[in-house]
Amino acid sequence: PDLSGYEKFGLGNVKYNISRIHITAVEFPSASISLIPGTGIKLVIGNASLTIDMNWNIRTWMYKDSGRSTVYISKVFVTAIFSTPRGNTGHTSIALTSCRTTSGDIDIKLSGKS
């Protein structure tokens, strides 16, 4: 979904809109799944990256600009634990028990009219 809103900055408000958000690349160079006896499943993703393209525009009382942006997020690490309880019907379900995510680097490239 698009993102829009206002932020107080300096002497006034900055109105922003981010639209046409597209994830254009995802890489998982290191991923593993293991079973945890009596608990469920552990998923570990290491050193992942993703690229996001979007349109943006900002407006203040004396300035406005718009353009395109590419965001590259790298060194992403995710550890998730899923429980696998058996329901009343005897079928196994899956539920997220815990999740931890960190990212190392974010590179933002903006192109605009100014």
PDB file of N, CA and C in Angstrom:
ATOM      1  N   PRO A   1       0.826  -1.211   0.000  1.00  0.00           N
ATOM      2  CA  PRO A   1       0.000   0.000   0.000  1.00  0.00           C
ATOM      3  C   PRO A   1       0.861   1.263   0.000  1.00  0.00           C
ATOM      4  N   ASP A   2       0.279   2.333  -0.481  1.00  0.00           N
ATOM      5  CA  ASP A   2       0.960   3.624  -0.474  1.00  0.00           C
ATOM      6  C   ASP A   2       1.098   4.138   0.960  1.00  0.00           C
ATOM      7  N   LEU A   3       2.104   4.971   1.178  1.00  0.00           N
ATOM      8  CA  LEU A   3       2.321   5.597   2.485  1.00  0.00           C
ATOM      9  C   LEU A   3       2.214   7.098   2.310  1.00  0.00           C
ATOM     10  N   SER A   4       1.459   7.757   3.188  1.00  0.00           N
ATOM     11  CA  SER A   4       1.381   9.211   3.121  1.00  0.00           C
ATOM     12  C   SER A   4       1.120   9.764   4.510  1.00  0.00           C
ATOM     13  N   GLY A   5       1.453  11.043   4.681  1.00  0.00           N
ATOM     14  CA  GLY A   5       1.234  11.664   5.972  1.00  0.00           C
ATOM     15  C   GLY A   5       1.919  13.000   6.089  1.00  0.00           C
ATOM     16  N   TYR A   6       1.969  13.501   7.313  1.00  0.00           N
ATOM     17  CA  TYR A   6       2.600  14.776   7.646  1.00  0.00           C
ATOM     18  C   TYR A   6       3.622  14.548   8.747  1.00  0.00           C
ATOM     19  N   GLU A   7       4.696  15.281   8.696  1.00  0.00           N
ATOM     20  CA  GLU A   7       5.697  15.275   9.763  1.00  0.00           C
ATOM     21  C   GLU A   7       6.058  16.717  10.078  1.00  0.00           C
ATOM     22  N   LYS A   8       6.192  17.033  11.367  1.00  0.00           N
ATOM     23  CA  LYS A   8       6.671  18.365  11.759  1.00  0.00           C
ATOM     24  C   LYS A   8       8.170  18.404  11.556  1.00  0.00           C
ATOM     25  N   PHE A   9       8.630  19.442  10.868  1.00  0.00           N
ATOM     26  CA  PHE A   9      10.050  19.566  10.564  1.00  0.00           C
ATOM     27  C   PHE A   9      10.390  21.041  10.512  1.00  0.00           C
ATOM     28  N   GLY A  10      11.239  21.485  11.409  1.00  0.00           N
ATOM     29  CA  GLY A  10      11.651  22.892  11.408  1.00  0.00           C
ATOM     30  C   GLY A  10      10.483  23.820  11.670  1.00  0.00           C
ATOM     31  N   LEU A  11      10.214  24.714  10.731  1.00  0.00           N
ATOM     32  CA  LEU A  11       9.186  25.732  10.912  1.00  0.00           C
ATOM     33  C   LEU A  11       7.804  25.329  10.425  1.00  0.00           C
ATOM     34  N   GLY A  12       7.658  24.119   9.899  1.00  0.00           N
ATOM     35  CA  GLY A  12       6.346  23.751   9.381  1.00  0.00           C
ATOM     36  C   GLY A  12       6.197  22.256   9.201  1.00  0.00           C
ATOM     37  N   ASN A  13       5.127  21.901   8.527  1.00  0.00           N
ATOM     38  CA  ASN A  13       4.841  20.505   8.246  1.00  0.00           C
ATOM     39  C   ASN A  13       5.380  20.107   6.884  1.00  0.00           C
ATOM     40  N   VAL A  14       5.790  18.856   6.781  1.00  0.00           N
ATOM     41  CA  VAL A  14       6.198  18.280   5.512  1.00  0.00           C
ATOM     42  C   VAL A  14       5.163  17.218   5.168  1.00  0.00           C
ATOM     43  N   LYS A  15       4.500  17.394   4.039  1.00  0.00           N
ATOM     44  CA  LYS A  15       3.546  16.396   3.566  1.00  0.00           C
ATOM     45  C   LYS A  15       4.302  15.471   2.623  1.00  0.00           C
ATOM     46  N   TYR A  16       4.149  14.161   2.822  1.00  0.00           N
ATOM     47  CA  TYR A  16       4.859  13.205   1.975  1.00  0.00           C
ATOM     48  C   TYR A  16       3.910  12.137   1.456  1.00  0.00           C
ATOM     49  N   ASN A  17       4.274  11.565   0.335  1.00  0.00           N
ATOM     50  CA  ASN A  17       3.535  10.443  -0.239  1.00  0.00           C
ATOM     51  C   ASN A  17       4.539   9.513  -0.911  1.00  0.00           C
ATOM     52  N   ILE A  18       4.463   8.243  -0.581  1.00  0.00           N
ATOM     53  CA  ILE A  18       5.294   7.218  -1.207  1.00  0.00           C
ATOM     54  C   ILE A  18       4.341   6.243  -1.874  1.00  0.00           C
ATOM     55  N   SER A  19       4.489   6.054  -3.182  1.00  0.00           N
ATOM     56  CA  SER A  19       3.540   5.233  -3.925  1.00  0.00           C
ATOM     57  C   SER A  19       4.262   4.279  -4.880  1.00  0.00           C
ATOM     58  N   ARG A  20       3.486   3.379  -5.446  1.00  0.00           N
ATOM     59  CA  ARG A  20       3.991   2.385  -6.411  1.00  0.00           C
ATOM     60  C   ARG A  20       5.198   1.644  -5.845  1.00  0.00           C
ATOM     61  N   ILE A  21       5.061   1.163  -4.626  1.00  0.00           N
ATOM     62  CA  ILE A  21       6.136   0.449  -3.937  1.00  0.00           C
ATOM     63  C   ILE A  21       6.208  -0.970  -4.496  1.00  0.00           C
ATOM     64  N   HIS A  22       7.380  -1.324  -5.025  1.00  0.00           N
ATOM     65  CA  HIS A  22       7.572  -2.654  -5.613  1.00  0.00           C
ATOM     66  C   HIS A  22       8.870  -3.263  -5.093  1.00  0.00           C
ATOM     67  N   ILE A  23       8.787  -4.484  -4.614  1.00  0.00           N
ATOM     68  CA  ILE A  23       9.996  -5.235  -4.268  1.00  0.00           C
ATOM     69  C   ILE A  23      10.487  -5.852  -5.571  1.00  0.00           C
ATOM     70  N   THR A  24      11.680  -5.444  -5.996  1.00  0.00           N
ATOM     71  CA  THR A  24      12.188  -5.876  -7.301  1.00  0.00           C
ATOM     72  C   THR A  24      13.218  -6.993  -7.220  1.00  0.00           C
ATOM     73  N   ALA A  25      13.781  -7.226  -6.033  1.00  0.00           N
ATOM     74  CA  ALA A  25      14.766  -8.309  -5.883  1.00  0.00           C
ATOM     75  C   ALA A  25      14.835  -8.738  -4.423  1.00  0.00           C
ATOM     76  N   VAL A  26      14.960 -10.049  -4.218  1.00  0.00           N
ATOM     77  CA  VAL A  26      15.149 -10.624  -2.884  1.00  0.00           C
ATOM     78  C   VAL A  26      16.188 -11.720  -3.012  1.00  0.00           C
ATOM     79  N   GLU A  27      17.167 -11.735  -2.127  1.00  0.00           N
ATOM     80  CA  GLU A  27      18.199 -12.774  -2.138  1.00  0.00           C
ATOM     81  C   GLU A  27      18.334 -13.393  -0.753  1.00  0.00           C
ATOM     82  N   PHE A  28      18.352 -14.726  -0.705  1.00  0.00           N
ATOM     83  CA  PHE A  28      18.568 -15.486   0.522  1.00  0.00           C
ATOM     84  C   PHE A  28      19.787 -16.382   0.329  1.00  0.00           C
ATOM     85  N   PRO A  29      21.001 -15.839   0.435  1.00  0.00           N
ATOM     86  CA  PRO A  29      22.189 -16.654   0.195  1.00  0.00           C
ATOM     87  C   PRO A  29      22.415 -17.727   1.252  1.00  0.00           C
ATOM     88  N   SER A  30      21.838 -17.538   2.433  1.00  0.00           N
ATOM     89  CA  SER A  30      22.009 -18.514   3.504  1.00  0.00           C
ATOM     90  C   SER A  30      20.689 -18.674   4.239  1.00  0.00           C
ATOM     91  N   ALA A  31      20.062 -19.849   4.100  1.00  0.00           N
ATOM     92  CA  ALA A  31      18.806 -20.114   4.786  1.00  0.00           C
ATOM     93  C   ALA A  31      18.787 -21.568   5.231  1.00  0.00           C
ATOM     94  N   SER A  32      18.255 -21.800   6.430  1.00  0.00           N
ATOM     95  CA  SER A  32      18.156 -23.175   6.910  1.00  0.00           C
ATOM     96  C   SER A  32      16.885 -23.348   7.730  1.00  0.00           C
ATOM     97  N   ILE A  33      16.372 -24.567   7.716  1.00  0.00           N
ATOM     98  CA  ILE A  33      15.214 -24.948   8.513  1.00  0.00           C
ATOM     99  C   ILE A  33      15.607 -26.176   9.311  1.00  0.00           C
ATOM    100  N   SER A  34      15.302 -26.146  10.607  1.00  0.00           N
ATOM    101  CA  SER A  34      15.602 -27.302  11.446  1.00  0.00           C
ATOM    102  C   SER A  34      14.422 -27.585  12.364  1.00  0.00           C
ATOM    103  N   LEU A  35      14.311 -28.836  12.769  1.00  0.00           N
ATOM    104  CA  LEU A  35      13.253 -29.243  13.686  1.00  0.00           C
ATOM    105  C   LEU A  35      13.739 -29.086  15.121  1.00  0.00           C
ATOM    106  N   ILE A  36      12.871 -28.600  15.980  1.00  0.00           N
ATOM    107  CA  ILE A  36      13.164 -28.478  17.404  1.00  0.00           C
ATOM    108  C   ILE A  36      12.243 -29.485  18.097  1.00  0.00           C
ATOM    109  N   PRO A  37      12.796 -30.579  18.601  1.00  0.00           N
ATOM    110  CA  PRO A  37      11.953 -31.615  19.198  1.00  0.00           C
ATOM    111  C   PRO A  37      11.044 -31.063  20.304  1.00  0.00           C
ATOM    112  N   GLY A  38       9.773 -31.410  20.232  1.00  0.00           N
ATOM    113  CA  GLY A  38       8.801 -30.988  21.234  1.00  0.00           C
ATOM    114  C   GLY A  38       8.343 -29.551  21.097  1.00  0.00           C
ATOM    115  N   THR A  39       8.911 -28.803  20.160  1.00  0.00           N
ATOM    116  CA  THR A  39       8.562 -27.386  20.005  1.00  0.00           C
ATOM    117  C   THR A  39       8.011 -27.078  18.619  1.00  0.00           C
ATOM    118  N   GLY A  40       8.795 -27.345  17.581  1.00  0.00           N
ATOM    119  CA  GLY A  40       8.355 -27.021  16.234  1.00  0.00           C
ATOM    120  C   GLY A  40       9.493 -26.876  15.266  1.00  0.00           C
ATOM    121  N   ILE A  41       9.526 -25.747  14.588  1.00  0.00           N
ATOM    122  CA  ILE A  41      10.453 -25.520  13.481  1.00  0.00           C
ATOM    123  C   ILE A  41      11.204 -24.212  13.705  1.00  0.00           C
ATOM    124  N   LYS A  42      12.499 -24.227  13.397  1.00  0.00           N
ATOM    125  CA  LYS A  42      13.323 -23.016  13.472  1.00  0.00           C
ATOM    126  C   LYS A  42      13.772 -22.660  12.062  1.00  0.00           C
ATOM    127  N   LEU A  43      13.530 -21.420  11.658  1.00  0.00           N
ATOM    128  CA  LEU A  43      13.951 -20.893  10.361  1.00  0.00           C
ATOM    129  C   LEU A  43      15.014 -19.840  10.605  1.00  0.00           C
ATOM    130  N   VAL A  44      16.161 -19.968   9.947  1.00  0.00           N
ATOM    131  CA  VAL A  44      17.241 -18.988  10.060  1.00  0.00           C
ATOM    132  C   VAL A  44      17.613 -18.525   8.653  1.00  0.00           C
ATOM    133  N   ILE A  45      17.563 -17.217   8.446  1.00  0.00           N
ATOM    134  CA  ILE A  45      17.968 -16.613   7.177  1.00  0.00           C
ATOM    135  C   ILE A  45      19.117 -15.671   7.491  1.00  0.00           C
ATOM    136  N   GLY A  46      20.235 -15.848   6.787  1.00  0.00           N
ATOM    137  CA  GLY A  46      21.404 -15.026   7.046  1.00  0.00           C
ATOM    138  C   GLY A  46      21.855 -14.258   5.822  1.00  0.00           C
ATOM    139  N   ASN A  47      22.267 -13.034   6.040  1.00  0.00           N
ATOM    140  CA  ASN A  47      22.856 -12.177   5.013  1.00  0.00           C
ATOM    141  C   ASN A  47      21.942 -11.985   3.806  1.00  0.00           C
ATOM    142  N   ALA A  48      20.653 -11.852   4.054  1.00  0.00           N
ATOM    143  CA  ALA A  48      19.697 -11.631   2.972  1.00  0.00           C
ATOM    144  C   ALA A  48      19.739 -10.167   2.528  1.00  0.00           C
ATOM    145  N   SER A  49      19.162  -9.909   1.363  1.00  0.00           N
ATOM    146  CA  SER A  49      19.068  -8.535   0.873  1.00  0.00           C
ATOM    147  C   SER A  49      17.790  -8.373   0.058  1.00  0.00           C
ATOM    148  N   LEU A  50      17.354  -7.114  -0.059  1.00  0.00           N
ATOM    149  CA  LEU A  50      16.215  -6.849  -0.910  1.00  0.00           C
ATOM    150  C   LEU A  50      16.303  -5.447  -1.489  1.00  0.00           C
ATOM    151  N   THR A  51      15.703  -5.285  -2.659  1.00  0.00           N
ATOM    152  CA  THR A  51      15.688  -4.009  -3.363  1.00  0.00           C
ATOM    153  C   THR A  51      14.237  -3.587  -3.559  1.00  0.00           C
ATOM    154  N   ILE A  52      13.949  -2.322  -3.237  1.00  0.00           N
ATOM    155  CA  ILE A  52      12.593  -1.790  -3.337  1.00  0.00           C
ATOM    156  C   ILE A  52      12.642  -0.522  -4.190  1.00  0.00           C
ATOM    157  N   ASP A  53      11.767  -0.437  -5.195  1.00  0.00           N
ATOM    158  CA  ASP A  53      11.620   0.770  -6.011  1.00  0.00           C
ATOM    159  C   ASP A  53      10.297   1.441  -5.662  1.00  0.00           C
ATOM    160  N   MET A  54      10.267   2.781  -5.735  1.00  0.00           N
ATOM    161  CA  MET A  54       9.051   3.511  -5.387  1.00  0.00           C
ATOM    162  C   MET A  54       9.066   4.910  -5.983  1.00  0.00           C
ATOM    163  N   ASN A  55       7.887   5.523  -6.051  1.00  0.00           N
ATOM    164  CA  ASN A  55       7.748   6.938  -6.364  1.00  0.00           C
ATOM    165  C   ASN A  55       7.603   7.692  -5.053  1.00  0.00           C
ATOM    166  N   TRP A  56       8.022   8.956  -5.013  1.00  0.00           N
ATOM    167  CA  TRP A  56       7.885   9.764  -3.818  1.00  0.00           C
ATOM    168  C   TRP A  56       7.572  11.208  -4.199  1.00  0.00           C
ATOM    169  N   ASN A  57       6.910  11.908  -3.284  1.00  0.00           N
ATOM    170  CA  ASN A  57       6.790  13.356  -3.429  1.00  0.00           C
ATOM    171  C   ASN A  57       6.656  13.965  -2.040  1.00  0.00           C
ATOM    172  N   ILE A  58       7.192  15.156  -1.921  1.00  0.00           N
ATOM    173  CA  ILE A  58       7.111  15.908  -0.666  1.00  0.00           C
ATOM    174  C   ILE A  58       6.648  17.320  -0.989  1.00  0.00           C
ATOM    175  N   ARG A  59       6.014  17.960   0.019  1.00  0.00           N
ATOM    176  CA  ARG A  59       5.527  19.325  -0.156  1.00  0.00           C
ATOM    177  C   ARG A  59       5.580  20.035   1.185  1.00  0.00           C
ATOM    178  N   THR A  60       6.115  21.249   1.171  1.00  0.00           N
ATOM    179  CA  THR A  60       6.065  22.129   2.337  1.00  0.00           C
ATOM    180  C   THR A  60       5.419  23.423   1.873  1.00  0.00           C
ATOM    181  N   TRP A  61       5.343  24.401   2.748  1.00  0.00           N
ATOM    182  CA  TRP A  61       4.723  25.677   2.385  1.00  0.00           C
ATOM    183  C   TRP A  61       5.534  26.435   1.345  1.00  0.00           C
ATOM    184  N   MET A  62       6.840  26.104   1.188  1.00  0.00           N
ATOM    185  CA  MET A  62       7.645  26.843   0.217  1.00  0.00           C
ATOM    186  C   MET A  62       8.424  25.948  -0.760  1.00  0.00           C
ATOM    187  N   TYR A  63       8.225  24.648  -0.697  1.00  0.00           N
ATOM    188  CA  TYR A  63       9.028  23.747  -1.516  1.00  0.00           C
ATOM    189  C   TYR A  63       8.235  22.487  -1.841  1.00  0.00           C
ATOM    190  N   LYS A  64       8.397  21.994  -3.073  1.00  0.00           N
ATOM    191  CA  LYS A  64       7.832  20.701  -3.409  1.00  0.00           C
ATOM    192  C   LYS A  64       8.734  20.004  -4.418  1.00  0.00           C
ATOM    193  N   ASP A  65       8.761  18.689  -4.338  1.00  0.00           N
ATOM    194  CA  ASP A  65       9.583  17.892  -5.243  1.00  0.00           C
ATOM    195  C   ASP A  65       9.008  16.484  -5.309  1.00  0.00           C
ATOM    196  N   SER A  66       9.358  15.777  -6.375  1.00  0.00           N
ATOM    197  CA  SER A  66       8.915  14.394  -6.537  1.00  0.00           C
ATOM    198  C   SER A  66       9.937  13.664  -7.387  1.00  0.00           C
ATOM    199  N   GLY A  67       9.855  12.344  -7.359  1.00  0.00           N
ATOM    200  CA  GLY A  67      10.783  11.552  -8.152  1.00  0.00           C
ATOM    201  C   GLY A  67      10.654  10.072  -7.875  1.00  0.00           C
ATOM    202  N   ARG A  68      11.712   9.351  -8.182  1.00  0.00           N
ATOM    203  CA  ARG A  68      11.788   7.904  -7.963  1.00  0.00           C
ATOM    204  C   ARG A  68      12.862   7.628  -6.930  1.00  0.00           C
ATOM    205  N   SER A  69      12.752   6.467  -6.290  1.00  0.00           N
ATOM    206  CA  SER A  69      13.735   6.078  -5.294  1.00  0.00           C
ATOM    207  C   SER A  69      13.959   4.577  -5.363  1.00  0.00           C
ATOM    208  N   THR A  70      15.189   4.181  -5.095  1.00  0.00           N
ATOM    209  CA  THR A  70      15.534   2.770  -4.950  1.00  0.00           C
ATOM    210  C   THR A  70      16.169   2.595  -3.581  1.00  0.00           C
ATOM    211  N   VAL A  71      15.650   1.641  -2.811  1.00  0.00           N
ATOM    212  CA  VAL A  71      16.166   1.344  -1.486  1.00  0.00           C
ATOM    213  C   VAL A  71      16.753  -0.067  -1.526  1.00  0.00           C
ATOM    214  N   TYR A  72      18.017  -0.187  -1.122  1.00  0.00           N
ATOM    215  CA  TYR A  72      18.693  -1.480  -1.065  1.00  0.00           C
ATOM    216  C   TYR A  72      18.999  -1.783   0.405  1.00  0.00           C
ATOM    217  N   ILE A  73      18.426  -2.854   0.917  1.00  0.00           N
ATOM    218  CA  ILE A  73      18.635  -3.260   2.308  1.00  0.00           C
ATOM    219  C   ILE A  73      19.455  -4.541   2.293  1.00  0.00           C
ATOM    220  N   SER A  74      20.585  -4.545   3.002  1.00  0.00           N
ATOM    221  CA  SER A  74      21.458  -5.727   3.000  1.00  0.00           C
ATOM    222  C   SER A  74      21.829  -6.125   4.419  1.00  0.00           C
ATOM    223  N   LYS A  75      22.477  -7.257   4.525  1.00  0.00           N
ATOM    224  CA  LYS A  75      22.889  -7.830   5.814  1.00  0.00           C
ATOM    225  C   LYS A  75      21.675  -8.032   6.726  1.00  0.00           C
ATOM    226  N   VAL A  76      20.609  -8.597   6.144  1.00  0.00           N
ATOM    227  CA  VAL A  76      19.383  -8.871   6.885  1.00  0.00           C
ATOM    228  C   VAL A  76      19.475 -10.279   7.474  1.00  0.00           C
ATOM    229  N   PHE A  77      19.215 -10.385   8.774  1.00  0.00           N
ATOM    230  CA  PHE A  77      19.241 -11.671   9.473  1.00  0.00           C
ATOM    231  C   PHE A  77      17.894 -11.887  10.145  1.00  0.00           C
ATOM    232  N   VAL A  78      17.316 -13.067   9.960  1.00  0.00           N
ATOM    233  CA  VAL A  78      16.009 -13.403  10.525  1.00  0.00           C
ATOM    234  C   VAL A  78      16.115 -14.750  11.222  1.00  0.00           C
ATOM    235  N   THR A  79      15.604 -14.827  12.442  1.00  0.00           N
ATOM    236  CA  THR A  79      15.448 -16.094  13.144  1.00  0.00           C
ATOM    237  C   THR A  79      13.996 -16.176  13.598  1.00  0.00           C
ATOM    238  N   ALA A  80      13.291 -17.215  13.171  1.00  0.00           N
ATOM    239  CA  ALA A  80      11.877 -17.381  13.517  1.00  0.00           C
ATOM    240  C   ALA A  80      11.656 -18.784  14.067  1.00  0.00           C
ATOM    241  N   ILE A  81      10.845 -18.877  15.102  1.00  0.00           N
ATOM    242  CA  ILE A  81      10.460 -20.157  15.693  1.00  0.00           C
ATOM    243  C   ILE A  81       8.958 -20.333  15.472  1.00  0.00           C
ATOM    244  N   PHE A  82       8.585 -21.464  14.911  1.00  0.00           N
ATOM    245  CA  PHE A  82       7.180 -21.803  14.680  1.00  0.00           C
ATOM    246  C   PHE A  82       6.813 -23.003  15.540  1.00  0.00           C
ATOM    247  N   SER A  83       5.693 -22.918  16.243  1.00  0.00           N
ATOM    248  CA  SER A  83       5.201 -24.091  16.967  1.00  0.00           C
ATOM    249  C   SER A  83       4.269 -24.847  16.031  1.00  0.00           C
ATOM    250  N   THR A  84       4.176 -26.131  16.253  1.00  0.00           N
ATOM    251  CA  THR A  84       3.343 -26.975  15.389  1.00  0.00           C
ATOM    252  C   THR A  84       2.398 -27.828  16.248  1.00  0.00           C
ATOM    253  N   PRO A  85       1.445 -27.178  16.919  1.00  0.00           N
ATOM    254  CA  PRO A  85       0.524 -27.945  17.766  1.00  0.00           C
ATOM    255  C   PRO A  85      -0.488 -28.733  16.934  1.00  0.00           C
ATOM    256  N   ARG A  86      -0.951 -29.819  17.523  1.00  0.00           N
ATOM    257  CA  ARG A  86      -1.989 -30.628  16.891  1.00  0.00           C
ATOM    258  C   ARG A  86      -3.330 -30.144  17.428  1.00  0.00           C
ATOM    259  N   GLY A  87      -4.245 -29.799  16.534  1.00  0.00           N
ATOM    260  CA  GLY A  87      -5.550 -29.280  16.927  1.00  0.00           C
ATOM    261  C   GLY A  87      -6.505 -30.371  17.377  1.00  0.00           C
ATOM    262  N   ASN A  88      -7.724 -29.973  17.765  1.00  0.00           N
ATOM    263  CA  ASN A  88      -8.756 -30.903  18.231  1.00  0.00           C
ATOM    264  C   ASN A  88      -9.138 -31.932  17.176  1.00  0.00           C
ATOM    265  N   THR A  89      -9.008 -31.560  15.909  1.00  0.00           N
ATOM    266  CA  THR A  89      -9.374 -32.470  14.824  1.00  0.00           C
ATOM    267  C   THR A  89      -8.247 -33.422  14.467  1.00  0.00           C
ATOM    268  N   GLY A  90      -7.109 -33.266  15.122  1.00  0.00           N
ATOM    269  CA  GLY A  90      -5.969 -34.130  14.839  1.00  0.00           C
ATOM    270  C   GLY A  90      -5.027 -33.595  13.781  1.00  0.00           C
ATOM    271  N   HIS A  91      -5.381 -32.465  13.159  1.00  0.00           N
ATOM    272  CA  HIS A  91      -4.531 -31.863  12.141  1.00  0.00           C
ATOM    273  C   HIS A  91      -3.491 -30.963  12.798  1.00  0.00           C
ATOM    274  N   THR A  92      -2.303 -30.938  12.237  1.00  0.00           N
ATOM    275  CA  THR A  92      -1.240 -30.075  12.741  1.00  0.00           C
ATOM    276  C   THR A  92      -1.425 -28.670  12.183  1.00  0.00           C
ATOM    277  N   SER A  93      -1.287 -27.680  13.054  1.00  0.00           N
ATOM    278  CA  SER A  93      -1.326 -26.280  12.615  1.00  0.00           C
ATOM    279  C   SER A  93       0.063 -25.690  12.820  1.00  0.00           C
ATOM    280  N   ILE A  94       0.236 -24.449  12.384  1.00  0.00           N
ATOM    281  CA  ILE A  94       1.523 -23.782  12.547  1.00  0.00           C
ATOM    282  C   ILE A  94       1.264 -22.366  13.072  1.00  0.00           C
ATOM    283  N   ALA A  95       2.073 -21.950  14.045  1.00  0.00           N
ATOM    284  CA  ALA A  95       1.930 -20.611  14.631  1.00  0.00           C
ATOM    285  C   ALA A  95       3.311 -20.030  14.878  1.00  0.00           C
ATOM    286  N   LEU A  96       3.469 -18.750  14.605  1.00  0.00           N
ATOM    287  CA  LEU A  96       4.731 -18.059  14.857  1.00  0.00           C
ATOM    288  C   LEU A  96       4.862 -17.809  16.353  1.00  0.00           C
ATOM    289  N   THR A  97       5.912 -18.363  16.964  1.00  0.00           N
ATOM    290  CA  THR A  97       6.142 -18.220  18.398  1.00  0.00           C
ATOM    291  C   THR A  97       7.050 -17.040  18.693  1.00  0.00           C
ATOM    292  N   SER A  98       8.119 -16.884  17.907  1.00  0.00           N
ATOM    293  CA  SER A  98       9.022 -15.749  18.093  1.00  0.00           C
ATOM    294  C   SER A  98       9.696 -15.423  16.770  1.00  0.00           C
ATOM    295  N   CYS A  99      10.101 -14.161  16.649  1.00  0.00           N
ATOM    296  CA  CYS A  99      10.784 -13.720  15.430  1.00  0.00           C
ATOM    297  C   CYS A  99      11.724 -12.580  15.794  1.00  0.00           C
ATOM    298  N   ARG A 100      12.936 -12.648  15.296  1.00  0.00           N
ATOM    299  CA  ARG A 100      13.928 -11.589  15.516  1.00  0.00           C
ATOM    300  C   ARG A 100      14.554 -11.256  14.166  1.00  0.00           C
ATOM    301  N   THR A 101      14.593  -9.974  13.845  1.00  0.00           N
ATOM    302  CA  THR A 101      15.143  -9.520  12.570  1.00  0.00           C
ATOM    303  C   THR A 101      16.080  -8.344  12.812  1.00  0.00           C
ATOM    304  N   THR A 102      17.223  -8.369  12.132  1.00  0.00           N
ATOM    305  CA  THR A 102      18.136  -7.226  12.158  1.00  0.00           C
ATOM    306  C   THR A 102      18.575  -6.934  10.731  1.00  0.00           C
ATOM    307  N   SER A 103      18.890  -5.679  10.470  1.00  0.00           N
ATOM    308  CA  SER A 103      19.435  -5.316   9.162  1.00  0.00           C
ATOM    309  C   SER A 103      20.683  -4.481   9.380  1.00  0.00           C
ATOM    310  N   GLY A 104      21.640  -4.643   8.496  1.00  0.00           N
ATOM    311  CA  GLY A 104      22.915  -3.974   8.661  1.00  0.00           C
ATOM    312  C   GLY A 104      23.043  -2.678   7.902  1.00  0.00           C
ATOM    313  N   ASP A 105      22.774  -2.700   6.603  1.00  0.00           N
ATOM    314  CA  ASP A 105      22.993  -1.523   5.757  1.00  0.00           C
ATOM    315  C   ASP A 105      21.735  -1.184   4.974  1.00  0.00           C
ATOM    316  N   ILE A 106      21.468   0.119   4.836  1.00  0.00           N
ATOM    317  CA  ILE A 106      20.384   0.598   3.995  1.00  0.00           C
ATOM    318  C   ILE A 106      20.956   1.691   3.113  1.00  0.00           C
ATOM    319  N   ASP A 107      20.824   1.505   1.793  1.00  0.00           N
ATOM    320  CA  ASP A 107      21.308   2.472   0.806  1.00  0.00           C
ATOM    321  C   ASP A 107      20.095   3.023   0.079  1.00  0.00           C
ATOM    322  N   ILE A 108      19.920   4.356   0.090  1.00  0.00           N
ATOM    323  CA  ILE A 108      18.762   4.995  -0.551  1.00  0.00           C
ATOM    324  C   ILE A 108      19.268   5.907  -1.660  1.00  0.00           C
ATOM    325  N   LYS A 109      18.745   5.685  -2.866  1.00  0.00           N
ATOM    326  CA  LYS A 109      19.078   6.546  -4.003  1.00  0.00           C
ATOM    327  C   LYS A 109      17.816   7.292  -4.402  1.00  0.00           C
ATOM    328  N   LEU A 110      17.877   8.628  -4.398  1.00  0.00           N
ATOM    329  CA  LEU A 110      16.757   9.469  -4.768  1.00  0.00           C
ATOM    330  C   LEU A 110      17.047  10.164  -6.080  1.00  0.00           C
ATOM    331  N   SER A 111      16.047  10.222  -6.934  1.00  0.00           N
ATOM    332  CA  SER A 111      16.141  11.058  -8.129  1.00  0.00           C
ATOM    333  C   SER A 111      14.885  11.903  -8.164  1.00  0.00           C
ATOM    334  N   GLY A 112      15.067  13.187  -8.410  1.00  0.00           N
ATOM    335  CA  GLY A 112      13.935  14.109  -8.405  1.00  0.00           C
ATOM    336  C   GLY A 112      14.164  15.259  -9.327  1.00  0.00           C
ATOM    337  N   LYS A 113      13.237  16.180  -9.312  1.00  0.00           N
ATOM    338  CA  LYS A 113      13.316  17.343 -10.189  1.00  0.00           C
ATOM    339  C   LYS A 113      14.367  18.338  -9.722  1.00  0.00           C
ATOM    340  N   SER A 114      14.584  18.434  -8.415  1.00  0.00           N
ATOM    341  CA  SER A 114      15.561  19.401  -7.877  1.00  0.00           C
ATOM    342  C   SER A 114      16.953  18.823  -7.859  1.00  0.00           C
TER     343      SER A 114
END
